[in-house]
Amino acid sequence: MSKELVFGHQNPDTDAITAAMAFSYLQNQLGYETEAVALGEPNDETKYALKHFDMEAPRVVKTVANEVDQVMLVDHNEPQQSVSDIDKVQVTHLVDHHRIANFNTAQPLWATVRPYGCVSTVIYELFESKHIDIPADLAGMMLSAIISDTLLLKSPTTTDHDREAVKALAKIADVDYEDYGIKMLKAGTNLDAKSDNDIVDGDAKSFELNGSTVRIGQVNTVDLDDVFARQADLEKEMQSLMDQNGYDTFILIATNILNSDSDLLVVGGNTDKVEKAFGKKLNDAHRMNLPGVVSRKKQVVPPLTDAFEG
């Protein structure tokens, strides 16, 4: 059996990196030979979790076909969010919690896709189904991923599966998940240490919506003013990335993790479709307030998809 690489999406968040680590560990216990890798450096939140649980970050790769013939994907399936040479390798396994879009394979594969708040929850249940124990440090990382993706179980994407996994993983990791979760989330909101690129593209994904490429970034904060005090520079960076990569529209969602309030900023075309998606007008600053919107997956992408395709 040849070695396989396991990885999440580009611009990895805590779940993308942790899911690769967890699924790789699980598969190795089942007899596969795998290595968890990442398609980018960990962000500040992920670094906090890695340091807390004394774990090493996976190595970063730019391509995979130069190393292996087969790969396993976690936390994504859309090709534009994956490694650049994904078309040159065989995908043997997929574990995800997102929509399926533009994904196809030449051969059958093992696929587990569940509409949970976090893919690490899905992997937790795979451990349970195989009766394989999760090491305490890895349990801590999986706990961190669920806290991150669900904003400490406050996101509308949160399911009972996520809540049960958090309690079980916190027990294994021996942490108070509420106290730890607040500290971890705040560690990822130090905007003074972030560049303009970090803010707009550090957690961004591209979506093909009816022929338009829409880039959607999201940044967490404890004060929206901290983000938009830099708006002019952020817009310049968004426009630069659009020019470099051919995006038609760039949307930044700034989310206050304390009150679940978000502001949306748009650069580029299709502003009419953005307004249609949320039933609101952008103000003169190209912004829109979206109270209660915290989930890109469940509260941003679906209405945008409907607006672009309607």
C-alpha atoms as a PDB file:
ATOM      1  CA  MET A   1       0.000   0.000   0.000  1.00  0.00           C
ATOM      2  CA  SER A   2       1.551   3.293  -1.082  1.00  0.00           C
ATOM      3  CA  LYS A   3       1.638   6.393   1.086  1.00  0.00           C
ATOM      4  CA  GLU A   4      -1.182   8.932   0.822  1.00  0.00           C
ATOM      5  CA  LEU A   5      -1.342  12.581   1.874  1.00  0.00           C
ATOM      6  CA  VAL A   6      -4.306  13.919   3.852  1.00  0.00           C
ATOM      7  CA  PHE A   7      -5.167  17.620   3.715  1.00  0.00           C
ATOM      8  CA  GLY A   8      -7.866  20.254   4.057  1.00  0.00           C
ATOM      9  CA  HIS A   9      -8.553  23.360   2.000  1.00  0.00           C
ATOM     10  CA  GLN A  10      -6.316  26.285   1.072  1.00  0.00           C
ATOM     11  CA  ASN A  11      -5.938  29.061   3.672  1.00  0.00           C
ATOM     12  CA  PRO A  12      -6.525  26.421   6.346  1.00  0.00           C
ATOM     13  CA  ASP A  13      -8.497  27.204   9.474  1.00  0.00           C
ATOM     14  CA  THR A  14      -8.354  25.194  12.683  1.00  0.00           C
ATOM     15  CA  ASP A  15     -10.739  22.541  11.374  1.00  0.00           C
ATOM     16  CA  ALA A  16      -8.899  22.052   8.065  1.00  0.00           C
ATOM     17  CA  ILE A  17      -5.592  21.436   9.815  1.00  0.00           C
ATOM     18  CA  THR A  18      -7.016  19.398  12.694  1.00  0.00           C
ATOM     19  CA  ALA A  19      -9.201  17.245  10.458  1.00  0.00           C
ATOM     20  CA  ALA A  20      -6.167  16.286   8.386  1.00  0.00           C
ATOM     21  CA  MET A  21      -4.265  15.358  11.555  1.00  0.00           C
ATOM     22  CA  ALA A  22      -7.177  13.405  13.013  1.00  0.00           C
ATOM     23  CA  PHE A  23      -8.186  11.550   9.854  1.00  0.00           C
ATOM     24  CA  SER A  24      -4.573  10.680   9.095  1.00  0.00           C
ATOM     25  CA  TYR A  25      -4.160   9.236  12.610  1.00  0.00           C
ATOM     26  CA  LEU A  26      -7.390   7.255  12.233  1.00  0.00           C
ATOM     27  CA  GLN A  27      -6.446   5.856   8.837  1.00  0.00           C
ATOM     28  CA  ASN A  28      -3.003   4.866  10.071  1.00  0.00           C
ATOM     29  CA  GLN A  29      -4.659   2.944  12.909  1.00  0.00           C
ATOM     30  CA  LEU A  30      -6.720   1.154  10.263  1.00  0.00           C
ATOM     31  CA  GLY A  31      -3.640   0.064   8.338  1.00  0.00           C
ATOM     32  CA  TYR A  32      -3.131   2.811   5.798  1.00  0.00           C
ATOM     33  CA  GLU A  33       0.114   4.748   5.432  1.00  0.00           C
ATOM     34  CA  THR A  34      -0.740   8.449   5.466  1.00  0.00           C
ATOM     35  CA  GLU A  35       0.702  11.821   6.381  1.00  0.00           C
ATOM     36  CA  ALA A  36      -1.269  14.911   7.317  1.00  0.00           C
ATOM     37  CA  VAL A  37      -0.142  18.010   5.425  1.00  0.00           C
ATOM     38  CA  ALA A  38      -1.533  21.523   5.025  1.00  0.00           C
ATOM     39  CA  LEU A  39      -2.099  23.877   2.104  1.00  0.00           C
ATOM     40  CA  GLY A  40      -0.954  26.899   4.107  1.00  0.00           C
ATOM     41  CA  GLU A  41       0.419  28.033   7.437  1.00  0.00           C
ATOM     42  CA  PRO A  42      -1.780  27.823  10.557  1.00  0.00           C
ATOM     43  CA  ASN A  43      -3.493  31.031  11.649  1.00  0.00           C
ATOM     44  CA  ASP A  44      -3.112  32.578  15.109  1.00  0.00           C
ATOM     45  CA  GLU A  45      -6.091  30.690  16.517  1.00  0.00           C
ATOM     46  CA  THR A  46      -4.727  27.353  15.304  1.00  0.00           C
ATOM     47  CA  LYS A  47      -1.260  28.202  16.613  1.00  0.00           C
ATOM     48  CA  TYR A  48      -2.796  28.842  20.026  1.00  0.00           C
ATOM     49  CA  ALA A  49      -4.448  25.418  20.007  1.00  0.00           C
ATOM     50  CA  LEU A  50      -1.323  23.648  18.773  1.00  0.00           C
ATOM     51  CA  LYS A  51       0.762  25.284  21.493  1.00  0.00           C
ATOM     52  CA  HIS A  52      -1.813  24.556  24.195  1.00  0.00           C
ATOM     53  CA  PHE A  53      -1.893  20.856  23.351  1.00  0.00           C
ATOM     54  CA  ASP A  54       1.811  20.676  22.513  1.00  0.00           C
ATOM     55  CA  MET A  55       1.363  19.445  18.960  1.00  0.00           C
ATOM     56  CA  GLU A  56       3.322  20.078  15.766  1.00  0.00           C
ATOM     57  CA  ALA A  57       1.650  21.692  12.779  1.00  0.00           C
ATOM     58  CA  PRO A  58       1.589  19.562   9.618  1.00  0.00           C
ATOM     59  CA  ARG A  59       4.148  20.524   6.998  1.00  0.00           C
ATOM     60  CA  VAL A  60       2.947  22.824   4.233  1.00  0.00           C
ATOM     61  CA  VAL A  61       2.836  21.601   0.635  1.00  0.00           C
ATOM     62  CA  LYS A  62       2.209  23.481  -2.604  1.00  0.00           C
ATOM     63  CA  THR A  63       1.734  20.395  -4.801  1.00  0.00           C
ATOM     64  CA  VAL A  64       1.144  16.711  -4.124  1.00  0.00           C
ATOM     65  CA  ALA A  65       1.538  14.812  -7.410  1.00  0.00           C
ATOM     66  CA  ASN A  66       5.323  15.081  -7.056  1.00  0.00           C
ATOM     67  CA  GLU A  67       5.066  13.007  -3.853  1.00  0.00           C
ATOM     68  CA  VAL A  68       2.118  10.620  -4.107  1.00  0.00           C
ATOM     69  CA  ASP A  69      -0.417   9.136  -6.501  1.00  0.00           C
ATOM     70  CA  GLN A  70      -3.328   9.106  -4.048  1.00  0.00           C
ATOM     71  CA  VAL A  71      -4.729  11.574  -1.521  1.00  0.00           C
ATOM     72  CA  MET A  72      -7.486  11.917   1.059  1.00  0.00           C
ATOM     73  CA  LEU A  73      -9.484  15.140   1.310  1.00  0.00           C
ATOM     74  CA  VAL A  74     -10.988  16.597   4.471  1.00  0.00           C
ATOM     75  CA  ASP A  75     -13.086  19.726   5.043  1.00  0.00           C
ATOM     76  CA  HIS A  76     -13.472  20.534   1.333  1.00  0.00           C
ATOM     77  CA  ASN A  77     -14.306  19.016  -2.015  1.00  0.00           C
ATOM     78  CA  GLU A  78     -14.474  21.897  -4.492  1.00  0.00           C
ATOM     79  CA  PRO A  79     -11.365  21.798  -6.735  1.00  0.00           C
ATOM     80  CA  GLN A  80     -10.735  25.554  -6.584  1.00  0.00           C
ATOM     81  CA  GLN A  81     -10.323  25.246  -2.814  1.00  0.00           C
ATOM     82  CA  SER A  82      -7.894  22.343  -3.052  1.00  0.00           C
ATOM     83  CA  VAL A  83      -4.266  21.811  -4.021  1.00  0.00           C
ATOM     84  CA  SER A  84      -3.321  23.144  -7.455  1.00  0.00           C
ATOM     85  CA  ASP A  85      -2.588  19.717  -8.955  1.00  0.00           C
ATOM     86  CA  ILE A  86      -5.577  17.871  -7.507  1.00  0.00           C
ATOM     87  CA  ASP A  87      -6.449  16.722 -11.042  1.00  0.00           C
ATOM     88  CA  LYS A  88      -3.188  14.758 -11.243  1.00  0.00           C
ATOM     89  CA  VAL A  89      -3.873  12.440  -8.275  1.00  0.00           C
ATOM     90  CA  GLN A  90      -6.560   9.966  -7.258  1.00  0.00           C
ATOM     91  CA  VAL A  91      -8.823  10.940  -4.374  1.00  0.00           C
ATOM     92  CA  THR A  92      -9.460   7.779  -2.363  1.00  0.00           C
ATOM     93  CA  HIS A  93     -11.288   9.254   0.649  1.00  0.00           C
ATOM     94  CA  LEU A  94     -13.406  12.331   1.307  1.00  0.00           C
ATOM     95  CA  VAL A  95     -14.685  13.521   4.680  1.00  0.00           C
ATOM     96  CA  ASP A  96     -16.593  16.796   4.574  1.00  0.00           C
ATOM     97  CA  HIS A  97     -19.473  18.867   5.932  1.00  0.00           C
ATOM     98  CA  HIS A  98     -19.898  21.331   3.044  1.00  0.00           C
ATOM     99  CA  ARG A  99     -21.961  21.334  -0.114  1.00  0.00           C
ATOM    100  CA  ILE A 100     -20.723  19.105  -2.954  1.00  0.00           C
ATOM    101  CA  ALA A 101     -19.850  21.218  -6.003  1.00  0.00           C
ATOM    102  CA  ASN A 102     -17.753  20.636  -9.122  1.00  0.00           C
ATOM    103  CA  PHE A 103     -16.394  17.444  -7.582  1.00  0.00           C
ATOM    104  CA  ASN A 104     -15.983  14.276  -9.592  1.00  0.00           C
ATOM    105  CA  THR A 105     -13.614  11.326  -9.643  1.00  0.00           C
ATOM    106  CA  ALA A 106     -12.565   8.772 -12.226  1.00  0.00           C
ATOM    107  CA  GLN A 107     -12.808   5.944  -9.693  1.00  0.00           C
ATOM    108  CA  PRO A 108     -15.053   5.105  -6.721  1.00  0.00           C
ATOM    109  CA  LEU A 109     -13.994   6.419  -3.313  1.00  0.00           C
ATOM    110  CA  TRP A 110     -14.829   6.270   0.367  1.00  0.00           C
ATOM    111  CA  ALA A 111     -16.926   9.364   1.079  1.00  0.00           C
ATOM    112  CA  THR A 112     -18.426  10.509   4.363  1.00  0.00           C
ATOM    113  CA  VAL A 113     -20.325  13.794   4.137  1.00  0.00           C
ATOM    114  CA  ARG A 114     -22.577  14.911   6.971  1.00  0.00           C
ATOM    115  CA  PRO A 115     -24.267  18.289   7.540  1.00  0.00           C
ATOM    116  CA  TYR A 116     -22.601  18.954  10.892  1.00  0.00           C
ATOM    117  CA  GLY A 117     -21.097  22.167  12.175  1.00  0.00           C
ATOM    118  CA  CYS A 118     -17.562  20.824  11.910  1.00  0.00           C
ATOM    119  CA  VAL A 119     -15.836  18.038   9.999  1.00  0.00           C
ATOM    120  CA  SER A 120     -13.887  17.112  13.125  1.00  0.00           C
ATOM    121  CA  THR A 121     -17.246  16.073  14.586  1.00  0.00           C
ATOM    122  CA  VAL A 122     -17.698  13.712  11.657  1.00  0.00           C
ATOM    123  CA  ILE A 123     -14.220  12.284  12.266  1.00  0.00           C
ATOM    124  CA  TYR A 124     -14.958  11.913  15.990  1.00  0.00           C
ATOM    125  CA  GLU A 125     -17.909   9.702  15.073  1.00  0.00           C
ATOM    126  CA  LEU A 126     -15.693   7.682  12.730  1.00  0.00           C
ATOM    127  CA  PHE A 127     -13.331   7.032  15.649  1.00  0.00           C
ATOM    128  CA  GLU A 128     -16.322   5.945  17.710  1.00  0.00           C
ATOM    129  CA  SER A 129     -17.637   3.617  15.010  1.00  0.00           C
ATOM    130  CA  LYS A 130     -14.247   1.915  14.725  1.00  0.00           C
ATOM    131  CA  HIS A 131     -13.767   1.738  18.518  1.00  0.00           C
ATOM    132  CA  ILE A 132     -10.415   3.511  18.271  1.00  0.00           C
ATOM    133  CA  ASP A 133      -9.260   5.654  21.187  1.00  0.00           C
ATOM    134  CA  ILE A 134      -8.364   9.295  20.531  1.00  0.00           C
ATOM    135  CA  PRO A 135      -5.132  10.516  22.198  1.00  0.00           C
ATOM    136  CA  ALA A 136      -5.685  13.393  24.647  1.00  0.00           C
ATOM    137  CA  ASP A 137      -3.669  15.933  22.628  1.00  0.00           C
ATOM    138  CA  LEU A 138      -5.482  15.079  19.399  1.00  0.00           C
ATOM    139  CA  ALA A 139      -8.826  15.215  21.235  1.00  0.00           C
ATOM    140  CA  GLY A 140      -7.881  18.733  22.332  1.00  0.00           C
ATOM    141  CA  MET A 141      -7.235  19.763  18.756  1.00  0.00           C
ATOM    142  CA  MET A 142     -10.512  18.223  17.571  1.00  0.00           C
ATOM    143  CA  LEU A 143     -12.298  20.061  20.374  1.00  0.00           C
ATOM    144  CA  SER A 144     -10.600  23.277  19.221  1.00  0.00           C
ATOM    145  CA  ALA A 145     -11.779  22.719  15.658  1.00  0.00           C
ATOM    146  CA  ILE A 146     -15.410  22.297  16.698  1.00  0.00           C
ATOM    147  CA  ILE A 147     -15.245  25.379  18.927  1.00  0.00           C
ATOM    148  CA  SER A 148     -13.764  27.330  16.015  1.00  0.00           C
ATOM    149  CA  ASP A 149     -16.264  26.229  13.365  1.00  0.00           C
ATOM    150  CA  THR A 150     -19.305  26.653  15.613  1.00  0.00           C
ATOM    151  CA  LEU A 151     -18.111  29.755  17.481  1.00  0.00           C
ATOM    152  CA  LEU A 152     -18.319  27.892  20.771  1.00  0.00           C
ATOM    153  CA  LEU A 153     -21.573  26.158  19.759  1.00  0.00           C
ATOM    154  CA  LYS A 154     -23.326  29.477  18.983  1.00  0.00           C
ATOM    155  CA  SER A 155     -23.374  29.186  15.192  1.00  0.00           C
ATOM    156  CA  PRO A 156     -26.602  28.073  13.486  1.00  0.00           C
ATOM    157  CA  THR A 157     -24.556  25.306  11.889  1.00  0.00           C
ATOM    158  CA  THR A 158     -24.202  23.662  15.319  1.00  0.00           C
ATOM    159  CA  THR A 159     -25.893  20.288  15.650  1.00  0.00           C
ATOM    160  CA  ASP A 160     -26.493  17.948  18.568  1.00  0.00           C
ATOM    161  CA  HIS A 161     -23.667  15.846  17.127  1.00  0.00           C
ATOM    162  CA  ASP A 162     -21.272  18.777  17.623  1.00  0.00           C
ATOM    163  CA  ARG A 163     -22.478  19.365  21.180  1.00  0.00           C
ATOM    164  CA  GLU A 164     -22.024  15.720  22.090  1.00  0.00           C
ATOM    165  CA  ALA A 165     -18.563  15.605  20.504  1.00  0.00           C
ATOM    166  CA  VAL A 166     -17.444  18.732  22.367  1.00  0.00           C
ATOM    167  CA  LYS A 167     -18.396  17.249  25.733  1.00  0.00           C
ATOM    168  CA  ALA A 168     -16.738  13.919  24.979  1.00  0.00           C
ATOM    169  CA  LEU A 169     -13.546  15.448  23.565  1.00  0.00           C
ATOM    170  CA  ALA A 170     -13.258  17.938  26.435  1.00  0.00           C
ATOM    171  CA  LYS A 171     -13.373  15.025  28.857  1.00  0.00           C
ATOM    172  CA  ILE A 172     -10.633  13.181  26.970  1.00  0.00           C
ATOM    173  CA  ALA A 173      -8.498  16.335  26.718  1.00  0.00           C
ATOM    174  CA  ASP A 174      -9.269  17.262  30.343  1.00  0.00           C
ATOM    175  CA  VAL A 175     -10.189  20.890  29.676  1.00  0.00           C
ATOM    176  CA  ASP A 176     -13.069  23.228  30.512  1.00  0.00           C
ATOM    177  CA  TYR A 177     -14.234  23.782  26.953  1.00  0.00           C
ATOM    178  CA  GLU A 178     -16.070  27.057  27.649  1.00  0.00           C
ATOM    179  CA  ASP A 179     -13.129  28.745  29.371  1.00  0.00           C
ATOM    180  CA  TYR A 180     -10.615  27.342  26.890  1.00  0.00           C
ATOM    181  CA  GLY A 181     -12.871  28.146  23.934  1.00  0.00           C
ATOM    182  CA  ILE A 182     -13.157  31.848  24.732  1.00  0.00           C
ATOM    183  CA  LYS A 183      -9.383  32.127  25.130  1.00  0.00           C
ATOM    184  CA  MET A 184      -8.749  30.315  21.851  1.00  0.00           C
ATOM    185  CA  LEU A 185     -11.257  32.379  19.867  1.00  0.00           C
ATOM    186  CA  LYS A 186      -9.847  35.626  21.245  1.00  0.00           C
ATOM    187  CA  ALA A 187      -6.329  34.491  20.313  1.00  0.00           C
ATOM    188  CA  GLY A 188      -7.439  34.537  16.681  1.00  0.00           C
ATOM    189  CA  THR A 189      -8.805  38.091  16.808  1.00  0.00           C
ATOM    190  CA  ASN A 190      -5.602  40.081  17.377  1.00  0.00           C
ATOM    191  CA  LEU A 191      -5.961  42.256  14.284  1.00  0.00           C
ATOM    192  CA  ASP A 192      -2.976  44.469  15.120  1.00  0.00           C
ATOM    193  CA  ALA A 193      -0.741  41.524  14.334  1.00  0.00           C
ATOM    194  CA  LYS A 194      -2.481  40.803  11.012  1.00  0.00           C
ATOM    195  CA  SER A 195      -1.604  42.259   7.613  1.00  0.00           C
ATOM    196  CA  ASP A 196      -4.311  43.479   5.246  1.00  0.00           C
ATOM    197  CA  ASN A 197      -3.875  40.230   3.318  1.00  0.00           C
ATOM    198  CA  ASP A 198      -4.260  38.188   6.505  1.00  0.00           C
ATOM    199  CA  ILE A 199      -7.572  39.883   7.244  1.00  0.00           C
ATOM    200  CA  VAL A 200      -9.195  39.634   3.813  1.00  0.00           C
ATOM    201  CA  ASP A 201      -7.676  36.389   2.534  1.00  0.00           C
ATOM    202  CA  GLY A 202      -6.478  34.536   5.621  1.00  0.00           C
ATOM    203  CA  ASP A 203      -9.771  32.624   5.810  1.00  0.00           C
ATOM    204  CA  ALA A 204     -11.174  32.943   2.290  1.00  0.00           C
ATOM    205  CA  LYS A 205     -12.695  30.530  -0.184  1.00  0.00           C
ATOM    206  CA  SER A 206     -13.637  30.847  -3.843  1.00  0.00           C
ATOM    207  CA  PHE A 207     -17.055  29.825  -5.143  1.00  0.00           C
ATOM    208  CA  GLU A 208     -18.196  29.429  -8.733  1.00  0.00           C
ATOM    209  CA  LEU A 209     -21.694  30.908  -8.850  1.00  0.00           C
ATOM    210  CA  ASN A 210     -23.406  30.763 -12.234  1.00  0.00           C
ATOM    211  CA  GLY A 211     -20.250  31.658 -14.160  1.00  0.00           C
ATOM    212  CA  SER A 212     -18.915  34.203 -11.666  1.00  0.00           C
ATOM    213  CA  THR A 213     -15.992  33.582  -9.335  1.00  0.00           C
ATOM    214  CA  VAL A 214     -16.883  34.928  -5.916  1.00  0.00           C
ATOM    215  CA  ARG A 215     -14.212  35.092  -3.230  1.00  0.00           C
ATOM    216  CA  ILE A 216     -15.598  35.160   0.315  1.00  0.00           C
ATOM    217  CA  GLY A 217     -13.295  35.938   3.226  1.00  0.00           C
ATOM    218  CA  GLN A 218     -14.210  35.986   6.882  1.00  0.00           C
ATOM    219  CA  VAL A 219     -12.428  37.493   9.868  1.00  0.00           C
ATOM    220  CA  ASN A 220     -13.396  37.236  13.527  1.00  0.00           C
ATOM    221  CA  THR A 221     -13.050  40.152  15.906  1.00  0.00           C
ATOM    222  CA  VAL A 222     -14.283  41.416  19.251  1.00  0.00           C
ATOM    223  CA  ASP A 223     -14.893  44.903  17.788  1.00  0.00           C
ATOM    224  CA  LEU A 224     -16.007  45.519  14.194  1.00  0.00           C
ATOM    225  CA  ASP A 225     -14.485  48.998  14.313  1.00  0.00           C
ATOM    226  CA  ASP A 226     -11.056  47.379  14.568  1.00  0.00           C
ATOM    227  CA  VAL A 227     -11.622  45.911  11.116  1.00  0.00           C
ATOM    228  CA  PHE A 228     -13.218  48.830   9.345  1.00  0.00           C
ATOM    229  CA  ALA A 229     -10.788  51.430  10.643  1.00  0.00           C
ATOM    230  CA  ARG A 230      -8.591  49.857   7.950  1.00  0.00           C
ATOM    231  CA  GLN A 231     -11.284  49.690   5.273  1.00  0.00           C
ATOM    232  CA  ALA A 232      -9.491  51.718   2.588  1.00  0.00           C
ATOM    233  CA  ASP A 233      -6.415  49.513   2.798  1.00  0.00           C
ATOM    234  CA  LEU A 234      -8.519  46.353   2.950  1.00  0.00           C
ATOM    235  CA  GLU A 235     -10.388  47.354  -0.215  1.00  0.00           C
ATOM    236  CA  LYS A 236      -7.085  47.954  -2.011  1.00  0.00           C
ATOM    237  CA  GLU A 237      -5.884  44.493  -1.022  1.00  0.00           C
ATOM    238  CA  MET A 238      -9.162  42.907  -2.123  1.00  0.00           C
ATOM    239  CA  GLN A 239      -8.951  44.658  -5.489  1.00  0.00           C
ATOM    240  CA  SER A 240      -5.345  43.560  -5.906  1.00  0.00           C
ATOM    241  CA  LEU A 241      -6.269  39.947  -5.245  1.00  0.00           C
ATOM    242  CA  MET A 242      -9.151  40.228  -7.706  1.00  0.00           C
ATOM    243  CA  ASP A 243      -6.798  41.531 -10.392  1.00  0.00           C
ATOM    244  CA  GLN A 244      -4.250  38.794  -9.722  1.00  0.00           C
ATOM    245  CA  ASN A 245      -6.693  35.885  -9.602  1.00  0.00           C
ATOM    246  CA  GLY A 246      -9.571  36.910 -11.844  1.00  0.00           C
ATOM    247  CA  TYR A 247     -12.233  37.049  -9.138  1.00  0.00           C
ATOM    248  CA  ASP A 248     -15.425  38.831 -10.210  1.00  0.00           C
ATOM    249  CA  THR A 249     -16.519  39.735  -6.704  1.00  0.00           C
ATOM    250  CA  PHE A 250     -14.732  39.825  -3.351  1.00  0.00           C
ATOM    251  CA  ILE A 251     -16.783  39.764  -0.157  1.00  0.00           C
ATOM    252  CA  LEU A 252     -15.364  40.150   3.336  1.00  0.00           C
ATOM    253  CA  ILE A 253     -17.476  39.116   6.327  1.00  0.00           C
ATOM    254  CA  ALA A 254     -16.304  40.629   9.623  1.00  0.00           C
ATOM    255  CA  THR A 255     -17.870  38.803  12.562  1.00  0.00           C
ATOM    256  CA  ASN A 256     -18.017  39.894  16.188  1.00  0.00           C
ATOM    257  CA  ILE A 257     -17.596  36.645  18.128  1.00  0.00           C
ATOM    258  CA  LEU A 258     -19.056  38.170  21.298  1.00  0.00           C
ATOM    259  CA  ASN A 259     -22.480  39.167  19.963  1.00  0.00           C
ATOM    260  CA  SER A 260     -22.758  37.208  16.667  1.00  0.00           C
ATOM    261  CA  ASP A 261     -23.063  40.421  14.636  1.00  0.00           C
ATOM    262  CA  SER A 262     -21.440  40.750  11.198  1.00  0.00           C
ATOM    263  CA  ASP A 263     -20.722  43.437   8.639  1.00  0.00           C
ATOM    264  CA  LEU A 264     -20.269  42.578   4.965  1.00  0.00           C
ATOM    265  CA  LEU A 265     -17.933  44.524   2.652  1.00  0.00           C
ATOM    266  CA  VAL A 266     -18.070  44.121  -1.133  1.00  0.00           C
ATOM    267  CA  VAL A 267     -15.503  44.986  -3.794  1.00  0.00           C
ATOM    268  CA  GLY A 268     -16.073  44.372  -7.505  1.00  0.00           C
ATOM    269  CA  GLY A 269     -19.178  43.585  -9.520  1.00  0.00           C
ATOM    270  CA  ASN A 270     -22.440  41.778  -8.813  1.00  0.00           C
ATOM    271  CA  THR A 271     -23.369  44.132  -5.991  1.00  0.00           C
ATOM    272  CA  ASP A 272     -27.002  43.874  -7.105  1.00  0.00           C
ATOM    273  CA  LYS A 273     -26.899  40.123  -6.540  1.00  0.00           C
ATOM    274  CA  VAL A 274     -25.339  40.590  -3.107  1.00  0.00           C
ATOM    275  CA  GLU A 275     -28.171  42.979  -2.199  1.00  0.00           C
ATOM    276  CA  LYS A 276     -30.729  40.538  -3.555  1.00  0.00           C
ATOM    277  CA  ALA A 277     -29.212  37.698  -1.539  1.00  0.00           C
ATOM    278  CA  PHE A 278     -29.654  39.455   1.794  1.00  0.00           C
ATOM    279  CA  GLY A 279     -32.629  41.697   0.995  1.00  0.00           C
ATOM    280  CA  LYS A 280     -30.686  44.817   1.957  1.00  0.00           C
ATOM    281  CA  LYS A 281     -28.950  47.724   0.268  1.00  0.00           C
ATOM    282  CA  LEU A 282     -25.232  48.331   0.578  1.00  0.00           C
ATOM    283  CA  ASN A 283     -24.474  51.705   2.111  1.00  0.00           C
ATOM    284  CA  ASP A 284     -22.181  54.317   0.581  1.00  0.00           C
ATOM    285  CA  ALA A 285     -19.203  52.545   2.164  1.00  0.00           C
ATOM    286  CA  HIS A 286     -20.059  49.337   0.253  1.00  0.00           C
ATOM    287  CA  ARG A 287     -21.054  47.687   3.518  1.00  0.00           C
ATOM    288  CA  MET A 288     -24.091  45.926   4.924  1.00  0.00           C
ATOM    289  CA  ASN A 289     -24.902  44.994   8.504  1.00  0.00           C
ATOM    290  CA  LEU A 290     -26.008  41.384   9.005  1.00  0.00           C
ATOM    291  CA  PRO A 291     -27.106  40.784  12.607  1.00  0.00           C
ATOM    292  CA  GLY A 292     -26.931  37.154  13.641  1.00  0.00           C
ATOM    293  CA  VAL A 293     -24.975  36.077  10.569  1.00  0.00           C
ATOM    294  CA  VAL A 294     -21.879  34.130  11.601  1.00  0.00           C
ATOM    295  CA  SER A 295     -21.713  31.167   9.225  1.00  0.00           C
ATOM    296  CA  ARG A 296     -20.319  31.534   5.716  1.00  0.00           C
ATOM    297  CA  LYS A 297     -21.384  27.991   4.903  1.00  0.00           C
ATOM    298  CA  LYS A 298     -24.997  28.210   6.040  1.00  0.00           C
ATOM    299  CA  GLN A 299     -25.902  31.911   6.083  1.00  0.00           C
ATOM    300  CA  VAL A 300     -23.804  33.478   3.313  1.00  0.00           C
ATOM    301  CA  VAL A 301     -23.126  31.017   0.498  1.00  0.00           C
ATOM    302  CA  PRO A 302     -26.698  29.610   0.133  1.00  0.00           C
ATOM    303  CA  PRO A 303     -28.468  32.990  -0.316  1.00  0.00           C
ATOM    304  CA  LEU A 304     -25.701  34.170  -2.650  1.00  0.00           C
ATOM    305  CA  THR A 305     -26.072  30.979  -4.692  1.00  0.00           C
ATOM    306  CA  ASP A 306     -29.815  31.558  -4.990  1.00  0.00           C
ATOM    307  CA  ALA A 307     -29.300  35.197  -5.993  1.00  0.00           C
ATOM    308  CA  PHE A 308     -26.703  34.414  -8.638  1.00  0.00           C
ATOM    309  CA  GLU A 309     -28.669  31.543 -10.105  1.00  0.00           C
ATOM    310  CA  GLY A 310     -32.113  33.135  -9.825  1.00  0.00           C
END
